N, C-alpha and C. Protein backbone atom coordinates (compact mmCIF):
# COMPACT_ATOMS: atom_id res chain seq x y z
N UNK A 1 13.02 -8.94 -6.67
CA UNK A 1 12.68 -8.38 -5.37
C UNK A 1 11.76 -7.18 -5.59
N UNK A 2 10.70 -7.12 -4.84
CA UNK A 2 9.77 -6.01 -4.92
C UNK A 2 10.26 -4.87 -4.04
N UNK A 3 10.33 -3.69 -4.62
CA UNK A 3 10.73 -2.51 -3.86
C UNK A 3 9.52 -1.91 -3.15
N UNK A 4 9.74 -1.18 -2.06
CA UNK A 4 8.61 -0.63 -1.32
C UNK A 4 7.67 0.22 -2.17
N UNK A 5 8.19 1.03 -3.08
CA UNK A 5 7.30 1.86 -3.88
C UNK A 5 6.46 1.01 -4.82
N UNK A 6 7.02 -0.11 -5.31
CA UNK A 6 6.26 -1.01 -6.17
C UNK A 6 5.11 -1.67 -5.40
N UNK A 7 5.38 -2.06 -4.17
CA UNK A 7 4.35 -2.66 -3.32
C UNK A 7 3.25 -1.64 -3.02
N UNK A 8 3.65 -0.41 -2.72
CA UNK A 8 2.68 0.65 -2.46
C UNK A 8 1.79 0.88 -3.67
N UNK A 9 2.39 0.97 -4.83
CA UNK A 9 1.62 1.19 -6.05
C UNK A 9 0.66 0.04 -6.33
N UNK A 10 1.12 -1.19 -6.10
CA UNK A 10 0.26 -2.36 -6.32
C UNK A 10 -0.96 -2.33 -5.40
N UNK A 11 -0.76 -1.95 -4.15
CA UNK A 11 -1.88 -1.89 -3.20
C UNK A 11 -2.87 -0.79 -3.62
N UNK A 12 -2.35 0.36 -4.00
CA UNK A 12 -3.22 1.47 -4.42
C UNK A 12 -3.98 1.10 -5.69
N UNK A 13 -3.30 0.51 -6.65
CA UNK A 13 -3.95 0.13 -7.91
C UNK A 13 -4.98 -0.99 -7.69
N UNK A 14 -4.72 -1.90 -6.75
CA UNK A 14 -5.67 -2.96 -6.45
C UNK A 14 -6.95 -2.38 -5.86
N UNK A 15 -6.81 -1.37 -5.00
CA UNK A 15 -8.00 -0.71 -4.46
C UNK A 15 -8.82 -0.10 -5.58
N UNK A 16 -8.15 0.58 -6.52
CA UNK A 16 -8.87 1.18 -7.65
C UNK A 16 -9.60 0.11 -8.46
N UNK A 17 -8.96 -1.03 -8.65
CA UNK A 17 -9.58 -2.13 -9.38
C UNK A 17 -10.83 -2.63 -8.65
N UNK A 18 -10.73 -2.83 -7.34
CA UNK A 18 -11.87 -3.27 -6.56
C UNK A 18 -13.01 -2.25 -6.62
N UNK A 19 -12.67 -0.98 -6.59
CA UNK A 19 -13.69 0.06 -6.69
C UNK A 19 -14.39 0.00 -8.05
N UNK A 20 -13.63 -0.26 -9.10
CA UNK A 20 -14.23 -0.37 -10.44
C UNK A 20 -15.14 -1.59 -10.52
N UNK A 21 -14.70 -2.70 -9.96
CA UNK A 21 -15.53 -3.91 -9.96
C UNK A 21 -16.84 -3.64 -9.22
N UNK A 22 -16.75 -3.03 -8.06
CA UNK A 22 -17.94 -2.75 -7.26
C UNK A 22 -18.91 -1.82 -7.99
N UNK A 23 -18.39 -0.86 -8.72
CA UNK A 23 -19.24 0.14 -9.38
C UNK A 23 -19.81 -0.31 -10.72
N UNK A 24 -19.31 -1.41 -11.25
CA UNK A 24 -19.72 -1.85 -12.60
C UNK A 24 -20.97 -2.73 -12.53
N UNK A 25 -22.10 -2.22 -13.01
CA UNK A 25 -23.35 -3.00 -12.94
C UNK A 25 -23.34 -4.23 -13.85
N UNK A 26 -22.39 -4.32 -14.77
CA UNK A 26 -22.33 -5.50 -15.65
C UNK A 26 -21.61 -6.67 -14.98
N UNK A 27 -20.94 -6.42 -13.87
CA UNK A 27 -20.27 -7.48 -13.12
C UNK A 27 -21.29 -8.21 -12.26
N UNK A 28 -21.16 -9.52 -12.18
CA UNK A 28 -22.10 -10.33 -11.39
C UNK A 28 -22.20 -9.80 -9.97
N UNK A 29 -23.41 -9.81 -9.44
CA UNK A 29 -23.67 -9.23 -8.12
C UNK A 29 -22.80 -9.84 -7.02
N UNK A 30 -22.56 -11.14 -7.05
CA UNK A 30 -21.76 -11.77 -5.99
C UNK A 30 -20.31 -11.24 -6.01
N UNK A 31 -19.78 -10.97 -7.19
CA UNK A 31 -18.42 -10.40 -7.27
C UNK A 31 -18.41 -8.96 -6.78
N UNK A 32 -19.46 -8.22 -7.12
CA UNK A 32 -19.54 -6.84 -6.64
C UNK A 32 -19.65 -6.80 -5.12
N UNK A 33 -20.41 -7.71 -4.54
CA UNK A 33 -20.54 -7.78 -3.08
C UNK A 33 -19.20 -8.13 -2.43
N UNK A 34 -18.47 -9.06 -3.04
CA UNK A 34 -17.16 -9.45 -2.50
C UNK A 34 -16.20 -8.27 -2.58
N UNK A 35 -16.21 -7.54 -3.68
CA UNK A 35 -15.35 -6.36 -3.81
C UNK A 35 -15.69 -5.34 -2.73
N UNK A 36 -16.97 -5.14 -2.47
CA UNK A 36 -17.40 -4.21 -1.43
C UNK A 36 -16.93 -4.66 -0.05
N UNK A 37 -17.04 -5.95 0.24
CA UNK A 37 -16.56 -6.46 1.54
C UNK A 37 -15.07 -6.23 1.70
N UNK A 38 -14.31 -6.47 0.65
CA UNK A 38 -12.86 -6.26 0.72
C UNK A 38 -12.51 -4.79 0.89
N UNK A 39 -13.23 -3.92 0.21
CA UNK A 39 -12.95 -2.49 0.28
C UNK A 39 -13.18 -1.91 1.67
N UNK A 40 -14.06 -2.50 2.44
CA UNK A 40 -14.33 -1.98 3.79
C UNK A 40 -13.08 -1.95 4.65
N UNK A 41 -12.17 -2.88 4.42
CA UNK A 41 -10.98 -3.00 5.27
C UNK A 41 -9.69 -2.79 4.49
N UNK A 42 -9.81 -2.39 3.24
CA UNK A 42 -8.64 -2.22 2.39
C UNK A 42 -8.06 -0.82 2.59
N UNK A 43 -6.74 -0.69 2.66
CA UNK A 43 -6.16 0.63 2.90
C UNK A 43 -6.38 1.58 1.72
N UNK A 44 -6.57 2.85 2.05
CA UNK A 44 -6.68 3.89 1.03
C UNK A 44 -5.27 4.29 0.61
N UNK A 45 -5.18 5.06 -0.47
CA UNK A 45 -3.87 5.57 -0.90
C UNK A 45 -3.23 6.38 0.23
N UNK A 46 -4.05 7.17 0.90
CA UNK A 46 -3.53 7.98 2.01
C UNK A 46 -2.96 7.09 3.11
N UNK A 47 -3.65 6.00 3.44
CA UNK A 47 -3.16 5.06 4.46
C UNK A 47 -1.80 4.48 4.06
N UNK A 48 -1.70 4.04 2.81
CA UNK A 48 -0.47 3.41 2.33
C UNK A 48 0.69 4.40 2.39
N UNK A 49 0.46 5.60 1.91
CA UNK A 49 1.54 6.60 1.92
C UNK A 49 1.92 7.02 3.33
N UNK A 50 0.95 7.11 4.22
CA UNK A 50 1.24 7.47 5.61
C UNK A 50 2.13 6.41 6.27
N UNK A 51 1.79 5.14 6.08
CA UNK A 51 2.59 4.05 6.64
C UNK A 51 3.99 4.04 6.01
N UNK A 52 4.03 4.27 4.71
CA UNK A 52 5.33 4.30 4.03
C UNK A 52 6.23 5.41 4.55
N UNK A 53 5.66 6.60 4.74
CA UNK A 53 6.47 7.70 5.28
C UNK A 53 6.93 7.40 6.70
N UNK A 54 6.07 6.79 7.49
CA UNK A 54 6.45 6.41 8.85
C UNK A 54 7.59 5.39 8.82
N UNK A 55 7.48 4.40 7.94
CA UNK A 55 8.55 3.41 7.83
C UNK A 55 9.86 4.06 7.39
N UNK A 56 9.78 5.02 6.48
CA UNK A 56 10.99 5.72 6.06
C UNK A 56 11.68 6.38 7.24
N UNK A 57 10.90 6.99 8.11
CA UNK A 57 11.47 7.63 9.29
C UNK A 57 12.02 6.58 10.25
N UNK A 58 11.24 5.54 10.52
CA UNK A 58 11.67 4.51 11.46
C UNK A 58 12.94 3.80 11.01
N UNK A 59 13.08 3.62 9.72
CA UNK A 59 14.25 2.91 9.20
C UNK A 59 15.38 3.86 8.81
N UNK A 60 15.23 5.15 9.10
CA UNK A 60 16.29 6.11 8.83
C UNK A 60 16.47 6.41 7.36
N UNK A 61 15.49 6.05 6.52
CA UNK A 61 15.65 6.25 5.08
C UNK A 61 15.52 7.72 4.71
N UNK A 62 14.70 8.48 5.43
CA UNK A 62 14.52 9.89 5.10
C UNK A 62 15.78 10.69 5.40
N UNK A 63 16.44 10.35 6.48
CA UNK A 63 17.65 11.07 6.88
C UNK A 63 18.89 10.53 6.19
N UNK A 64 18.75 9.40 5.50
CA UNK A 64 19.90 8.82 4.83
C UNK A 64 20.85 8.07 5.77
N UNK A 65 20.38 7.80 6.97
CA UNK A 65 21.21 7.06 7.91
C UNK A 65 20.52 5.76 8.29
N UNK A 66 21.29 4.73 8.46
CA UNK A 66 20.74 3.43 8.82
C UNK A 66 20.62 3.31 10.33
N UNK A 67 19.61 2.60 10.76
CA UNK A 67 19.47 2.30 12.19
C UNK A 67 20.39 1.14 12.54
N UNK A 68 20.73 0.98 13.79
CA UNK A 68 21.52 -0.17 14.19
C UNK A 68 20.80 -1.47 13.82
N UNK A 69 21.56 -2.49 13.48
CA UNK A 69 20.98 -3.76 13.04
C UNK A 69 19.98 -4.31 14.04
N UNK A 70 20.25 -4.21 15.31
CA UNK A 70 19.35 -4.76 16.32
C UNK A 70 18.03 -4.00 16.39
N UNK A 71 17.95 -2.79 15.84
CA UNK A 71 16.71 -2.01 15.86
C UNK A 71 15.80 -2.35 14.68
N UNK A 72 16.34 -3.03 13.69
CA UNK A 72 15.57 -3.34 12.50
C UNK A 72 14.92 -4.71 12.65
N UNK A 73 13.59 -4.75 12.66
CA UNK A 73 12.85 -5.99 12.81
C UNK A 73 12.60 -6.61 11.43
N UNK A 74 12.25 -5.78 10.45
CA UNK A 74 12.02 -6.24 9.09
C UNK A 74 12.25 -5.09 8.14
N UNK A 75 12.27 -5.40 6.85
CA UNK A 75 12.38 -4.34 5.85
C UNK A 75 11.05 -3.63 5.72
N UNK A 76 11.05 -2.40 5.21
CA UNK A 76 9.79 -1.68 5.04
C UNK A 76 8.80 -2.45 4.16
N UNK A 77 7.54 -2.32 4.48
CA UNK A 77 6.49 -2.98 3.71
C UNK A 77 5.96 -2.05 2.63
N UNK A 78 5.68 -0.78 2.97
CA UNK A 78 5.13 0.19 2.05
C UNK A 78 6.12 1.33 1.86
N UNK A 79 6.10 1.92 0.67
CA UNK A 79 6.89 3.10 0.40
C UNK A 79 6.11 4.36 0.72
N UNK A 80 6.79 5.43 0.96
CA UNK A 80 6.15 6.70 1.29
C UNK A 80 5.70 7.47 0.07
N UNK A 81 5.82 6.84 -1.12
CA UNK A 81 5.36 7.46 -2.37
C UNK A 81 5.02 6.35 -3.35
N UNK A 82 4.43 6.71 -4.48
CA UNK A 82 4.00 5.71 -5.46
C UNK A 82 4.88 5.68 -6.70
N UNK A 83 5.96 6.42 -6.68
CA UNK A 83 6.85 6.41 -7.84
C UNK A 83 8.30 6.32 -7.37
N UNK A 84 9.17 6.03 -8.29
CA UNK A 84 10.59 5.89 -8.00
C UNK A 84 11.29 7.11 -8.56
N UNK A 85 11.84 7.93 -7.68
CA UNK A 85 12.56 9.14 -8.12
C UNK A 85 14.03 8.98 -7.87
C-alpha cells in the first residue's frame, strides 16, 4: 500500500525528472516537447504539499481525530510533507 507521503514524493520527483528531460539537449526533441507539454499541467511541489496539508485537515489527521465515517469520501491522495517522521 502506498502511503500519502510516498505518493507526494513520487509526484514531486517525477516533476523533477520531466524538468531534467526537457532541459537536456541530448534528449530527442520530440521527448523534450512531450515533457514540456506534461509540465504545463503538472503540479509543483508547493501544489502537492498544499493539497496534502488540506487533506490532513479535512481528514482530521492534523488534530489526531478521525472524522465520522459518513464524512470520509476517500483516503487522502497527497501527503502534507515529503518525508515520514
